[in-house]
Structure formats: structure tokens, C-alpha cells
């Protein structure tokens, strides 16, 4: 039996205090263990970039591995792998190990964590409706001292609703000889099937002097 593709369409809006506002639209498809997406980022006539990507998760005897790759216009290529370590699907605790690399071509980073990086973290399922994850992503290639630590709390609030809070702390430089910045931000996401909305406050976004407000809303179908 062929499984249908579950789609998610997400328009995003970005407002910066020290930069030009921008917008992005992303279409994501999910079928069993496979995920694929196409998106377009635009900041006026100053910078535009199209991207396509693919992700697959595979079970392991000690958890699962998630591998992804992405191409973007301007010649960008990136890839990552994350291993979730656990002793079974029902295990309340799990560990996270990740690694990412790019070809260092121009790219506007929409996940706002270092791409050339390693990841270390852990998670806990307190019950069937809750998830707590703590992890850190840090640059291990470009000598920027970039580190972003996330504490993510997710809670099912109803049969078709969910609330996610991502509290994060970033510190580092945009490049090896730039000024050092640090800031603490938060992202709030509320899902009410099939709709969702996400609001983020990100001080010192992408390790610059600019503070950013991000708004996203979308639909799953």
C-alpha cells in the first residue's frame, strides 16, 4: 500500500533592528521515513536564495539516525547527520549526537544555528504527552566560538493541539575576527490541526548586532 504524502506549507516573515526585513516560503513533504522540501528566501532586491533538500531517518539497534542534504542557489551544498541514542521506542531517555558540514558557499542560515558544527544533547519523555530536550550546537570548523544552547519543552494540550517552547542562548562571532555577541531568546509554537503559528524573539541573530523578530504560520494537509 502506497502511503500519501503529508504536506506542510509555511510562510515566514523576518524583521531585524539592524537590517532589512525579509520573507520566506517553504513547502515540505513527508512520507514515512522520507522528508523533502523546497523554499525561497527573499530580502528585497538585496539577497534571494532558492533551496531544495532531502532528509531520511533510519532505525538502528541502538536508536535511529537522521541524515539530510540541501542545495541552494549561489552554489551552496550542506549535509548533516544526527544519531538518537536509546534502548527502544518506549525508552523515556535518549541521547543526541550530530555533525554538519557545508561547502562554505554563500547561504542565509534559516535555522540560526551553526551549520559547520557538532551537536550534543539529551531528551526525556516524562509521559506520552510531553517531551523535554536539551542540546548544544557549536562551530567546530571556522573558529568563530559560536555556541547555541536550546532547552525545548513540548506538550500535547489536546487531541489536535500542541505547545512548544524553545528557550535558547547564543554566543559567538559571525566570523573569526568579528565582534563577540551573546543573547538569550525564545520561540513559541502553537499547533491546532491543521494550522500552526510560530513567534520568535532572537537577540543578536546570526551572531550580529541585529535583533530579530520572526513570525511564521502555516497549514498541514
N, C-alpha and C. Protein backbone atom coordinates (compact mmCIF):
# COMPACT_ATOMS: atom_id res chain seq x y z
N UNK A 1 0.84 -1.20 0.00
CA UNK A 1 0.00 0.00 0.00
C UNK A 1 0.88 1.25 0.00
N UNK A 2 0.63 2.14 -0.94
CA UNK A 2 1.42 3.37 -1.04
C UNK A 2 0.88 4.40 -0.06
N UNK A 3 1.79 5.01 0.70
CA UNK A 3 1.39 5.99 1.69
C UNK A 3 1.32 7.38 1.07
N UNK A 4 0.31 8.14 1.48
CA UNK A 4 0.14 9.50 0.97
C UNK A 4 1.20 10.42 1.55
N UNK A 5 1.49 11.48 0.84
CA UNK A 5 2.44 12.49 1.31
C UNK A 5 1.70 13.49 2.20
N UNK A 6 2.26 13.75 3.37
CA UNK A 6 1.73 14.79 4.26
C UNK A 6 2.49 16.08 3.97
N UNK A 7 1.76 17.13 3.62
CA UNK A 7 2.37 18.39 3.22
C UNK A 7 2.28 19.42 4.33
N UNK A 8 3.27 20.32 4.35
CA UNK A 8 3.26 21.47 5.27
C UNK A 8 3.74 22.70 4.51
N UNK A 9 2.91 23.74 4.47
CA UNK A 9 3.24 24.99 3.79
C UNK A 9 3.44 26.07 4.84
N UNK A 10 4.61 26.74 4.82
CA UNK A 10 4.96 27.70 5.86
C UNK A 10 5.49 29.00 5.27
N UNK A 11 4.71 30.09 5.30
CA UNK A 11 5.27 31.42 5.03
C UNK A 11 5.93 31.95 6.31
N UNK A 12 7.10 32.59 6.16
CA UNK A 12 7.85 33.16 7.28
C UNK A 12 8.15 34.63 7.01
N UNK A 13 8.15 35.42 8.09
CA UNK A 13 8.46 36.84 7.98
C UNK A 13 9.51 37.19 9.03
N UNK A 14 10.52 37.97 8.62
CA UNK A 14 11.65 38.31 9.49
C UNK A 14 11.80 39.83 9.54
N UNK A 15 11.83 40.37 10.76
CA UNK A 15 12.06 41.81 10.94
C UNK A 15 13.28 42.00 11.81
N UNK A 16 14.28 42.74 11.30
CA UNK A 16 15.52 42.97 12.03
C UNK A 16 15.65 44.44 12.42
N UNK A 17 16.28 44.68 13.58
CA UNK A 17 16.50 46.05 14.03
C UNK A 17 17.67 46.70 13.31
N UNK A 18 18.59 45.92 12.77
CA UNK A 18 19.76 46.48 12.10
C UNK A 18 19.90 45.95 10.68
N UNK A 19 18.79 45.62 10.08
CA UNK A 19 18.83 45.08 8.73
C UNK A 19 17.47 45.19 8.07
N UNK A 20 17.41 44.76 6.83
CA UNK A 20 16.19 44.87 6.06
C UNK A 20 15.27 43.68 6.34
N UNK A 21 13.97 43.94 6.39
CA UNK A 21 13.00 42.86 6.60
C UNK A 21 13.03 41.89 5.42
N UNK A 22 12.65 40.64 5.70
CA UNK A 22 12.72 39.61 4.68
C UNK A 22 11.53 38.66 4.83
N UNK A 23 11.35 37.82 3.82
CA UNK A 23 10.28 36.83 3.83
C UNK A 23 10.79 35.54 3.22
N UNK A 24 10.11 34.45 3.57
CA UNK A 24 10.50 33.14 3.08
C UNK A 24 9.24 32.28 2.98
N UNK A 25 9.22 31.39 2.02
CA UNK A 25 8.13 30.41 1.95
C UNK A 25 8.74 29.04 1.74
N UNK A 26 8.19 28.05 2.45
CA UNK A 26 8.76 26.70 2.42
C UNK A 26 7.63 25.68 2.29
N UNK A 27 7.79 24.75 1.35
CA UNK A 27 6.85 23.64 1.18
C UNK A 27 7.59 22.36 1.52
N UNK A 28 7.04 21.61 2.46
CA UNK A 28 7.70 20.41 2.98
C UNK A 28 6.76 19.22 2.83
N UNK A 29 7.31 18.11 2.35
CA UNK A 29 6.54 16.88 2.22
C UNK A 29 7.13 15.78 3.08
N UNK A 30 6.26 14.93 3.61
CA UNK A 30 6.70 13.86 4.50
C UNK A 30 5.96 12.58 4.13
N UNK A 31 6.73 11.52 3.85
CA UNK A 31 6.12 10.21 3.59
C UNK A 31 6.94 9.15 4.29
N UNK A 32 6.38 8.57 5.34
CA UNK A 32 7.06 7.59 6.18
C UNK A 32 8.39 8.15 6.67
N UNK A 33 9.52 7.55 6.28
CA UNK A 33 10.83 7.99 6.79
C UNK A 33 11.48 9.07 5.92
N UNK A 34 10.81 9.49 4.85
CA UNK A 34 11.41 10.44 3.91
C UNK A 34 10.77 11.82 4.04
N UNK A 35 11.61 12.85 4.04
CA UNK A 35 11.16 14.24 4.08
C UNK A 35 11.89 15.00 2.98
N UNK A 36 11.17 15.88 2.29
CA UNK A 36 11.79 16.69 1.25
C UNK A 36 11.15 18.07 1.27
N UNK A 37 11.88 19.06 0.77
CA UNK A 37 11.36 20.43 0.84
C UNK A 37 11.94 21.28 -0.28
N UNK A 38 11.22 22.38 -0.55
CA UNK A 38 11.68 23.42 -1.46
C UNK A 38 11.28 24.75 -0.86
N UNK A 39 12.16 25.74 -0.95
CA UNK A 39 11.87 27.03 -0.34
C UNK A 39 12.53 28.17 -1.08
N UNK A 40 12.05 29.38 -0.78
CA UNK A 40 12.61 30.59 -1.39
C UNK A 40 12.68 31.67 -0.33
N UNK A 41 13.90 32.23 -0.14
CA UNK A 41 14.13 33.34 0.80
C UNK A 41 14.37 34.61 -0.01
N UNK A 42 13.76 35.73 0.44
CA UNK A 42 13.95 36.99 -0.28
C UNK A 42 14.05 38.15 0.70
N UNK A 43 15.12 38.94 0.53
CA UNK A 43 15.30 40.17 1.30
C UNK A 43 15.40 41.32 0.30
N UNK A 44 14.21 41.83 -0.11
CA UNK A 44 14.15 42.87 -1.12
C UNK A 44 14.87 42.46 -2.39
N UNK A 45 15.62 43.40 -2.98
CA UNK A 45 16.46 43.09 -4.13
C UNK A 45 17.90 42.80 -3.72
N UNK A 46 18.14 42.82 -2.39
CA UNK A 46 19.49 42.67 -1.86
C UNK A 46 20.00 41.23 -1.90
N UNK A 47 19.11 40.27 -1.55
CA UNK A 47 19.55 38.87 -1.48
C UNK A 47 18.35 37.97 -1.67
N UNK A 48 18.47 37.01 -2.59
CA UNK A 48 17.44 36.00 -2.80
C UNK A 48 18.14 34.64 -2.90
N UNK A 49 17.44 33.60 -2.41
CA UNK A 49 18.04 32.27 -2.48
C UNK A 49 16.96 31.20 -2.48
N UNK A 50 17.05 30.30 -3.45
CA UNK A 50 16.17 29.14 -3.52
C UNK A 50 16.91 27.93 -2.96
N UNK A 51 16.17 27.00 -2.35
CA UNK A 51 16.79 25.82 -1.76
C UNK A 51 15.90 24.59 -1.96
N UNK A 52 16.53 23.43 -2.04
CA UNK A 52 15.82 22.16 -2.04
C UNK A 52 16.60 21.22 -1.13
N UNK A 53 15.88 20.30 -0.48
CA UNK A 53 16.56 19.41 0.44
C UNK A 53 15.84 18.09 0.63
N UNK A 54 16.55 17.15 1.23
CA UNK A 54 16.01 15.81 1.47
C UNK A 54 16.56 15.29 2.79
N UNK A 55 15.69 14.59 3.52
CA UNK A 55 16.08 14.01 4.81
C UNK A 55 15.49 12.61 4.93
N UNK A 56 16.25 11.71 5.53
CA UNK A 56 15.75 10.35 5.76
C UNK A 56 16.18 9.88 7.13
N UNK A 57 15.24 9.25 7.83
CA UNK A 57 15.58 8.64 9.12
C UNK A 57 15.51 7.12 9.01
N UNK A 58 16.48 6.47 9.64
CA UNK A 58 16.58 5.02 9.56
C UNK A 58 16.76 4.45 10.96
N UNK A 59 16.07 3.34 11.27
CA UNK A 59 16.22 2.74 12.60
C UNK A 59 17.58 2.07 12.76
N UNK A 60 18.08 2.11 13.99
CA UNK A 60 19.30 1.42 14.37
C UNK A 60 19.00 0.52 15.56
N UNK A 61 19.88 -0.40 15.85
CA UNK A 61 19.68 -1.28 17.00
C UNK A 61 19.75 -0.50 18.31
N UNK A 62 20.36 0.68 18.29
CA UNK A 62 20.51 1.49 19.50
C UNK A 62 19.82 2.85 19.36
N UNK A 63 18.83 2.96 18.46
CA UNK A 63 18.11 4.22 18.28
C UNK A 63 17.76 4.46 16.83
N UNK A 64 18.14 5.62 16.31
CA UNK A 64 17.90 5.94 14.90
C UNK A 64 18.89 7.00 14.44
N UNK A 65 19.06 7.09 13.11
CA UNK A 65 19.92 8.11 12.52
C UNK A 65 19.10 8.92 11.52
N UNK A 66 19.31 10.23 11.52
CA UNK A 66 18.63 11.14 10.61
C UNK A 66 19.70 11.82 9.76
N UNK A 67 19.64 11.62 8.45
CA UNK A 67 20.63 12.17 7.53
C UNK A 67 19.92 13.11 6.57
N UNK A 68 20.51 14.29 6.33
CA UNK A 68 19.89 15.26 5.43
C UNK A 68 20.93 15.92 4.54
N UNK A 69 20.46 16.41 3.39
CA UNK A 69 21.30 17.16 2.47
C UNK A 69 20.51 18.29 1.86
N UNK A 70 21.18 19.38 1.52
CA UNK A 70 20.49 20.53 0.95
C UNK A 70 21.36 21.22 -0.10
N UNK A 71 20.70 21.65 -1.18
CA UNK A 71 21.34 22.50 -2.19
C UNK A 71 20.60 23.83 -2.21
N UNK A 72 21.34 24.92 -2.36
CA UNK A 72 20.75 26.25 -2.51
C UNK A 72 21.43 26.98 -3.65
N UNK A 73 20.68 27.89 -4.27
CA UNK A 73 21.27 28.70 -5.33
C UNK A 73 22.48 29.46 -4.79
N UNK A 74 23.33 29.95 -5.64
CA UNK A 74 24.64 30.54 -5.31
C UNK A 74 25.67 29.46 -4.99
N UNK A 75 25.32 28.20 -5.33
CA UNK A 75 26.30 27.12 -5.23
C UNK A 75 26.43 26.45 -3.89
N UNK A 76 25.49 26.69 -2.96
CA UNK A 76 25.61 26.14 -1.61
C UNK A 76 25.24 24.66 -1.57
N UNK A 77 26.04 23.89 -0.82
CA UNK A 77 25.73 22.50 -0.51
C UNK A 77 25.98 22.27 0.98
N UNK A 78 25.06 21.55 1.62
CA UNK A 78 25.23 21.24 3.03
C UNK A 78 24.67 19.87 3.36
N UNK A 79 25.19 19.25 4.40
CA UNK A 79 24.73 17.93 4.83
C UNK A 79 24.89 17.81 6.33
N UNK A 80 24.07 16.96 6.93
CA UNK A 80 24.17 16.72 8.37
C UNK A 80 23.69 15.32 8.70
N UNK A 81 24.12 14.84 9.86
CA UNK A 81 23.68 13.55 10.39
C UNK A 81 23.50 13.68 11.89
N UNK A 82 22.38 13.18 12.40
CA UNK A 82 22.11 13.20 13.83
C UNK A 82 21.71 11.80 14.27
N UNK A 83 22.33 11.32 15.32
CA UNK A 83 22.02 10.00 15.87
C UNK A 83 21.28 10.18 17.19
N UNK A 84 20.14 9.52 17.30
CA UNK A 84 19.37 9.49 18.55
C UNK A 84 19.65 8.16 19.23
N UNK A 85 20.23 8.21 20.41
CA UNK A 85 20.67 7.01 21.12
C UNK A 85 19.64 6.63 22.18
N UNK A 86 19.08 5.43 22.07
CA UNK A 86 18.11 4.96 23.07
C UNK A 86 18.08 3.44 23.03
N UNK A 87 17.38 2.85 23.99
CA UNK A 87 17.29 1.38 24.03
C UNK A 87 15.91 0.89 23.63
N UNK A 88 15.20 1.69 22.81
CA UNK A 88 13.89 1.28 22.32
C UNK A 88 12.96 2.45 22.15
N UNK A 89 11.88 2.25 21.34
CA UNK A 89 10.94 3.33 21.06
C UNK A 89 10.24 3.85 22.31
N UNK A 90 10.06 3.00 23.32
CA UNK A 90 9.35 3.40 24.53
C UNK A 90 10.30 3.90 25.62
N UNK A 91 11.58 4.00 25.33
CA UNK A 91 12.55 4.45 26.34
C UNK A 91 12.29 5.91 26.70
N UNK A 92 12.25 6.24 28.01
CA UNK A 92 11.96 7.62 28.40
C UNK A 92 13.11 8.58 28.16
N UNK A 93 14.34 8.08 28.06
CA UNK A 93 15.51 8.94 27.89
C UNK A 93 16.23 8.61 26.59
N UNK A 94 16.86 9.62 26.00
CA UNK A 94 17.66 9.39 24.81
C UNK A 94 18.78 10.43 24.73
N UNK A 95 19.84 10.08 24.02
CA UNK A 95 20.95 10.99 23.78
C UNK A 95 20.97 11.45 22.33
N UNK A 96 21.65 12.56 22.07
CA UNK A 96 21.74 13.11 20.72
C UNK A 96 23.20 13.42 20.38
N UNK A 97 23.63 12.98 19.21
CA UNK A 97 24.94 13.31 18.66
C UNK A 97 24.75 13.73 17.21
N UNK A 98 25.34 14.87 16.82
CA UNK A 98 25.15 15.33 15.46
C UNK A 98 26.40 15.96 14.87
N UNK A 99 26.41 16.06 13.54
CA UNK A 99 27.57 16.59 12.81
C UNK A 99 27.06 17.21 11.53
N UNK A 100 27.55 18.41 11.17
CA UNK A 100 27.14 19.08 9.95
C UNK A 100 28.31 19.70 9.21
N UNK A 101 28.22 19.73 7.89
CA UNK A 101 29.25 20.34 7.06
C UNK A 101 28.61 21.00 5.83
N UNK A 102 29.25 22.11 5.38
CA UNK A 102 28.86 22.78 4.14
C UNK A 102 30.10 23.00 3.29
N UNK A 103 29.86 23.48 2.05
CA UNK A 103 30.99 23.84 1.19
C UNK A 103 31.36 25.32 1.33
N UNK A 104 30.76 26.00 2.33
CA UNK A 104 31.09 27.39 2.68
C UNK A 104 30.71 28.40 1.61
N UNK A 105 29.84 28.04 0.68
CA UNK A 105 29.33 29.00 -0.29
C UNK A 105 28.29 29.90 0.38
N UNK A 106 27.96 31.08 -0.23
CA UNK A 106 27.00 32.00 0.39
C UNK A 106 25.66 31.32 0.68
N UNK A 107 25.16 31.55 1.90
CA UNK A 107 23.90 30.92 2.31
C UNK A 107 23.32 31.71 3.48
N UNK A 108 22.01 32.04 3.39
CA UNK A 108 21.37 32.68 4.52
C UNK A 108 20.82 31.58 5.42
N UNK A 109 21.37 31.49 6.62
CA UNK A 109 21.10 30.37 7.52
C UNK A 109 19.77 30.57 8.24
N UNK A 110 18.76 29.81 7.85
CA UNK A 110 17.42 29.98 8.40
C UNK A 110 17.16 29.13 9.64
N UNK A 111 18.11 28.30 10.04
CA UNK A 111 17.92 27.62 11.33
C UNK A 111 18.64 28.35 12.46
N UNK A 112 19.47 29.36 12.10
CA UNK A 112 20.09 30.28 13.06
C UNK A 112 21.01 29.58 14.06
N UNK A 113 21.42 28.35 13.77
CA UNK A 113 22.47 27.63 14.49
C UNK A 113 23.63 27.42 13.52
N UNK A 114 24.85 27.22 14.02
CA UNK A 114 25.97 26.96 13.11
C UNK A 114 25.72 25.72 12.24
N UNK A 115 26.06 25.82 10.96
CA UNK A 115 25.91 24.68 10.05
C UNK A 115 27.13 23.77 10.05
N UNK A 116 28.32 24.36 10.12
CA UNK A 116 29.54 23.57 10.22
C UNK A 116 29.81 23.34 11.69
N UNK A 117 29.30 22.24 12.21
CA UNK A 117 29.16 22.14 13.67
C UNK A 117 29.05 20.70 14.14
N UNK A 118 29.11 20.56 15.45
CA UNK A 118 28.74 19.31 16.12
C UNK A 118 27.60 19.60 17.08
N UNK A 119 26.85 18.56 17.41
CA UNK A 119 25.69 18.69 18.30
C UNK A 119 25.80 17.64 19.39
N UNK A 120 25.47 18.05 20.61
CA UNK A 120 25.45 17.13 21.74
C UNK A 120 24.24 17.46 22.60
N UNK A 121 23.45 16.44 22.96
CA UNK A 121 22.27 16.72 23.75
C UNK A 121 21.63 15.46 24.32
N UNK A 122 20.49 15.68 24.98
CA UNK A 122 19.75 14.58 25.60
C UNK A 122 18.28 14.98 25.68
N UNK A 123 17.42 13.97 25.81
CA UNK A 123 15.99 14.23 25.90
C UNK A 123 15.30 13.29 26.86
N UNK A 124 14.07 13.69 27.23
CA UNK A 124 13.30 12.93 28.21
C UNK A 124 11.82 13.02 27.86
N UNK A 125 11.16 11.86 27.83
CA UNK A 125 9.71 11.79 27.68
C UNK A 125 9.12 11.56 29.08
N UNK A 126 8.62 12.60 29.76
CA UNK A 126 8.06 12.39 31.09
C UNK A 126 6.77 11.57 31.06
N UNK A 127 6.04 11.66 29.95
CA UNK A 127 4.82 10.87 29.75
C UNK A 127 4.52 10.87 28.25
N UNK A 128 3.37 10.32 27.88
CA UNK A 128 3.03 10.22 26.46
C UNK A 128 2.78 11.57 25.81
N UNK A 129 2.50 12.61 26.60
CA UNK A 129 2.13 13.91 26.05
C UNK A 129 3.25 14.94 26.12
N UNK A 130 4.38 14.60 26.74
CA UNK A 130 5.42 15.60 26.96
C UNK A 130 6.78 15.19 26.44
N UNK A 131 7.61 16.18 26.13
CA UNK A 131 8.98 15.95 25.69
C UNK A 131 9.84 17.13 26.14
N UNK A 132 10.99 16.82 26.74
CA UNK A 132 11.97 17.83 27.15
C UNK A 132 13.29 17.49 26.46
N UNK A 133 13.89 18.46 25.77
CA UNK A 133 15.15 18.24 25.07
C UNK A 133 16.12 19.36 25.40
N UNK A 134 17.35 19.01 25.73
CA UNK A 134 18.42 19.97 25.97
C UNK A 134 19.58 19.60 25.06
N UNK A 135 20.03 20.56 24.24
CA UNK A 135 21.15 20.26 23.35
C UNK A 135 21.92 21.54 23.02
N UNK A 136 23.17 21.35 22.58
CA UNK A 136 24.01 22.47 22.18
C UNK A 136 24.63 22.19 20.82
N UNK A 137 24.59 23.22 19.96
CA UNK A 137 25.23 23.17 18.65
C UNK A 137 26.41 24.14 18.69
N UNK A 138 27.60 23.68 18.29
CA UNK A 138 28.74 24.61 18.32
C UNK A 138 29.62 24.43 17.09
N UNK A 139 30.15 25.56 16.62
CA UNK A 139 31.06 25.58 15.48
C UNK A 139 32.34 24.83 15.82
N UNK A 140 32.72 23.89 14.96
CA UNK A 140 33.97 23.16 15.18
C UNK A 140 34.89 23.27 13.97
N UNK A 141 34.65 24.31 13.14
CA UNK A 141 35.42 24.41 11.90
C UNK A 141 35.99 25.81 11.64
N UNK A 142 35.19 26.87 11.90
CA UNK A 142 35.53 28.21 11.42
C UNK A 142 36.11 29.12 12.48
N UNK A 143 36.35 28.59 13.68
CA UNK A 143 36.98 29.35 14.77
C UNK A 143 36.20 30.62 15.13
N UNK A 144 34.87 30.51 15.13
CA UNK A 144 34.01 31.64 15.48
C UNK A 144 33.55 31.60 16.94
N UNK A 145 33.82 30.51 17.64
CA UNK A 145 33.36 30.29 19.02
C UNK A 145 31.83 30.26 19.12
N UNK A 146 31.14 30.05 18.01
CA UNK A 146 29.68 30.02 18.04
C UNK A 146 29.16 28.82 18.81
N UNK A 147 28.26 29.11 19.75
CA UNK A 147 27.57 28.06 20.51
C UNK A 147 26.13 28.50 20.71
N UNK A 148 25.21 27.59 20.45
CA UNK A 148 23.79 27.85 20.72
C UNK A 148 23.25 26.69 21.54
N UNK A 149 22.73 27.01 22.72
CA UNK A 149 22.17 26.00 23.62
C UNK A 149 20.65 26.14 23.64
N UNK A 150 19.95 25.04 23.43
CA UNK A 150 18.49 25.03 23.37
C UNK A 150 17.91 24.18 24.50
N UNK A 151 16.88 24.70 25.14
CA UNK A 151 16.03 23.92 26.04
C UNK A 151 14.64 23.95 25.44
N UNK A 152 14.16 22.80 24.97
CA UNK A 152 12.89 22.72 24.26
C UNK A 152 11.89 21.93 25.10
N UNK A 153 10.74 22.54 25.35
CA UNK A 153 9.65 21.91 26.10
C UNK A 153 8.46 21.77 25.16
N UNK A 154 7.97 20.55 24.98
CA UNK A 154 6.84 20.31 24.09
C UNK A 154 5.76 19.57 24.86
N UNK A 155 4.52 20.03 24.68
CA UNK A 155 3.41 19.44 25.43
C UNK A 155 2.17 19.34 24.56
N UNK A 156 1.60 18.14 24.51
CA UNK A 156 0.32 17.94 23.85
C UNK A 156 -0.75 18.53 24.75
N UNK A 157 -1.51 19.49 24.22
CA UNK A 157 -2.53 20.16 25.03
C UNK A 157 -3.94 19.69 24.73
N UNK A 158 -4.09 18.84 23.73
CA UNK A 158 -5.38 18.29 23.35
C UNK A 158 -5.16 17.26 22.27
N UNK A 159 -6.25 16.66 21.78
CA UNK A 159 -6.11 15.63 20.76
C UNK A 159 -5.47 16.16 19.48
N UNK A 160 -5.71 17.45 19.18
CA UNK A 160 -5.17 18.03 17.95
C UNK A 160 -4.43 19.33 18.21
N UNK A 161 -3.93 19.52 19.41
CA UNK A 161 -3.22 20.76 19.73
C UNK A 161 -1.94 20.46 20.50
N UNK A 162 -0.96 21.36 20.33
CA UNK A 162 0.35 21.17 20.95
C UNK A 162 1.02 22.53 21.14
N UNK A 163 1.75 22.67 22.24
CA UNK A 163 2.50 23.89 22.54
C UNK A 163 3.98 23.53 22.67
N UNK A 164 4.85 24.31 22.01
CA UNK A 164 6.29 24.10 22.08
C UNK A 164 6.98 25.40 22.47
N UNK A 165 7.86 25.33 23.46
CA UNK A 165 8.65 26.48 23.90
C UNK A 165 10.12 26.12 23.72
N UNK A 166 10.85 26.95 22.98
CA UNK A 166 12.29 26.76 22.74
C UNK A 166 13.02 27.97 23.32
N UNK A 167 13.66 27.78 24.46
CA UNK A 167 14.47 28.82 25.09
C UNK A 167 15.92 28.58 24.67
N UNK A 168 16.57 29.60 24.09
CA UNK A 168 17.92 29.38 23.58
C UNK A 168 18.86 30.51 23.99
N UNK A 169 20.12 30.15 24.10
CA UNK A 169 21.20 31.08 24.45
C UNK A 169 22.29 30.96 23.40
N UNK A 170 22.62 32.08 22.75
CA UNK A 170 23.66 32.05 21.73
C UNK A 170 24.84 32.91 22.15
N UNK A 171 26.04 32.50 21.72
CA UNK A 171 27.26 33.27 21.96
C UNK A 171 28.25 32.95 20.86
N UNK A 172 28.98 33.97 20.40
CA UNK A 172 29.98 33.75 19.37
C UNK A 172 30.14 34.93 18.44
N UNK A 173 30.86 34.71 17.35
CA UNK A 173 31.17 35.74 16.37
C UNK A 173 30.64 35.31 15.00
N UNK A 174 30.32 36.28 14.15
CA UNK A 174 29.87 35.94 12.80
C UNK A 174 31.00 35.39 11.95
N UNK A 175 32.24 35.81 12.21
CA UNK A 175 33.43 35.18 11.64
C UNK A 175 34.56 35.30 12.65
N UNK A 176 35.70 34.73 12.33
CA UNK A 176 36.74 34.54 13.34
C UNK A 176 37.30 35.83 13.92
N UNK A 177 37.23 36.95 13.19
CA UNK A 177 37.78 38.20 13.71
C UNK A 177 36.71 39.26 13.97
N UNK A 178 35.44 38.87 14.02
CA UNK A 178 34.34 39.81 14.27
C UNK A 178 34.11 39.99 15.76
N UNK A 179 33.25 40.95 16.10
CA UNK A 179 32.91 41.21 17.50
C UNK A 179 32.16 40.02 18.09
N UNK A 180 32.38 39.78 19.38
CA UNK A 180 31.72 38.67 20.09
C UNK A 180 30.37 39.15 20.61
N UNK A 181 29.31 38.39 20.34
CA UNK A 181 27.96 38.72 20.79
C UNK A 181 27.38 37.55 21.59
N UNK A 182 26.46 37.87 22.47
CA UNK A 182 25.69 36.83 23.16
C UNK A 182 24.30 37.37 23.46
N UNK A 183 23.33 36.47 23.50
CA UNK A 183 21.95 36.86 23.77
C UNK A 183 21.09 35.65 24.06
N UNK A 184 19.96 35.90 24.71
CA UNK A 184 19.01 34.84 25.05
C UNK A 184 17.67 35.14 24.40
N UNK A 185 17.11 34.16 23.70
CA UNK A 185 15.85 34.34 23.00
C UNK A 185 14.89 33.20 23.25
N UNK A 186 13.72 33.31 22.63
CA UNK A 186 12.69 32.30 22.84
C UNK A 186 11.84 32.17 21.57
N UNK A 187 11.41 30.95 21.30
CA UNK A 187 10.48 30.67 20.21
C UNK A 187 9.26 29.94 20.78
N UNK A 188 8.08 30.43 20.44
CA UNK A 188 6.82 29.82 20.88
C UNK A 188 6.07 29.32 19.65
N UNK A 189 5.65 28.06 19.69
CA UNK A 189 4.90 27.48 18.58
C UNK A 189 3.63 26.85 19.12
N UNK A 190 2.50 27.18 18.48
CA UNK A 190 1.23 26.57 18.87
C UNK A 190 0.62 25.89 17.65
N UNK A 191 0.32 24.60 17.79
CA UNK A 191 -0.32 23.81 16.74
C UNK A 191 -1.76 23.54 17.10
N UNK A 192 -2.66 23.83 16.19
CA UNK A 192 -4.06 23.44 16.30
C UNK A 192 -4.44 22.90 14.93
N UNK A 193 -4.38 21.58 14.79
CA UNK A 193 -4.53 20.96 13.48
C UNK A 193 -5.73 21.51 12.72
N UNK A 194 -5.49 21.83 11.43
CA UNK A 194 -4.27 21.64 10.64
C UNK A 194 -3.34 22.87 10.63
N UNK A 195 -3.66 23.89 11.45
CA UNK A 195 -2.93 25.15 11.42
C UNK A 195 -1.85 25.19 12.50
N UNK A 196 -0.87 26.08 12.31
CA UNK A 196 0.10 26.35 13.36
C UNK A 196 0.62 27.77 13.20
N UNK A 197 1.12 28.33 14.31
CA UNK A 197 1.72 29.67 14.30
C UNK A 197 2.97 29.63 15.17
N UNK A 198 4.01 30.38 14.76
CA UNK A 198 5.28 30.38 15.49
C UNK A 198 5.79 31.82 15.60
N UNK A 199 6.17 32.23 16.80
CA UNK A 199 6.69 33.57 17.05
C UNK A 199 8.02 33.44 17.79
N UNK A 200 9.04 34.16 17.31
CA UNK A 200 10.37 34.07 17.93
C UNK A 200 10.94 35.46 18.15
N UNK A 201 11.62 35.64 19.28
CA UNK A 201 12.44 36.81 19.56
C UNK A 201 13.88 36.33 19.66
N UNK A 202 14.74 36.85 18.78
CA UNK A 202 16.11 36.36 18.66
C UNK A 202 17.09 37.53 18.74
N UNK A 203 17.57 37.88 19.95
CA UNK A 203 18.57 38.94 20.06
C UNK A 203 19.93 38.47 19.54
N UNK A 204 20.63 39.38 18.87
CA UNK A 204 21.95 39.07 18.28
C UNK A 204 21.84 37.93 17.27
N UNK A 205 20.84 38.03 16.41
CA UNK A 205 20.57 36.98 15.43
C UNK A 205 21.78 36.76 14.54
N UNK A 206 22.07 35.49 14.29
CA UNK A 206 23.23 35.10 13.47
C UNK A 206 24.52 35.75 13.94
N UNK A 207 24.61 35.99 15.26
CA UNK A 207 25.84 36.48 15.90
C UNK A 207 26.25 37.85 15.36
N UNK A 208 25.24 38.75 15.25
CA UNK A 208 25.47 40.13 14.81
C UNK A 208 24.81 41.07 15.82
N UNK A 209 24.92 42.38 15.57
CA UNK A 209 24.30 43.38 16.45
C UNK A 209 22.80 43.48 16.25
N UNK A 210 22.26 42.77 15.29
CA UNK A 210 20.85 42.89 14.93
C UNK A 210 19.98 41.96 15.77
N UNK A 211 18.87 42.50 16.29
CA UNK A 211 17.85 41.71 16.96
C UNK A 211 16.74 41.39 15.95
N UNK A 212 16.19 40.20 16.04
CA UNK A 212 15.23 39.77 15.03
C UNK A 212 13.93 39.26 15.66
N UNK A 213 12.81 39.66 15.05
CA UNK A 213 11.51 39.09 15.37
C UNK A 213 11.09 38.23 14.18
N UNK A 214 10.68 36.99 14.46
CA UNK A 214 10.28 36.09 13.39
C UNK A 214 8.84 35.63 13.61
N UNK A 215 8.06 35.64 12.54
CA UNK A 215 6.68 35.17 12.59
C UNK A 215 6.46 34.18 11.46
N UNK A 216 5.91 33.02 11.80
CA UNK A 216 5.57 32.02 10.80
C UNK A 216 4.18 31.49 11.09
N UNK A 217 3.47 31.19 10.05
CA UNK A 217 2.19 30.50 10.21
C UNK A 217 2.02 29.58 9.01
N UNK A 218 1.23 28.55 9.17
CA UNK A 218 1.10 27.63 8.06
C UNK A 218 0.02 26.60 8.27
N UNK A 219 -0.01 25.66 7.34
CA UNK A 219 -1.05 24.64 7.34
C UNK A 219 -0.44 23.31 6.95
N UNK A 220 -0.95 22.25 7.58
CA UNK A 220 -0.60 20.88 7.21
C UNK A 220 -1.79 20.27 6.48
N UNK A 221 -1.52 19.53 5.42
CA UNK A 221 -2.63 18.95 4.66
C UNK A 221 -2.18 17.68 3.95
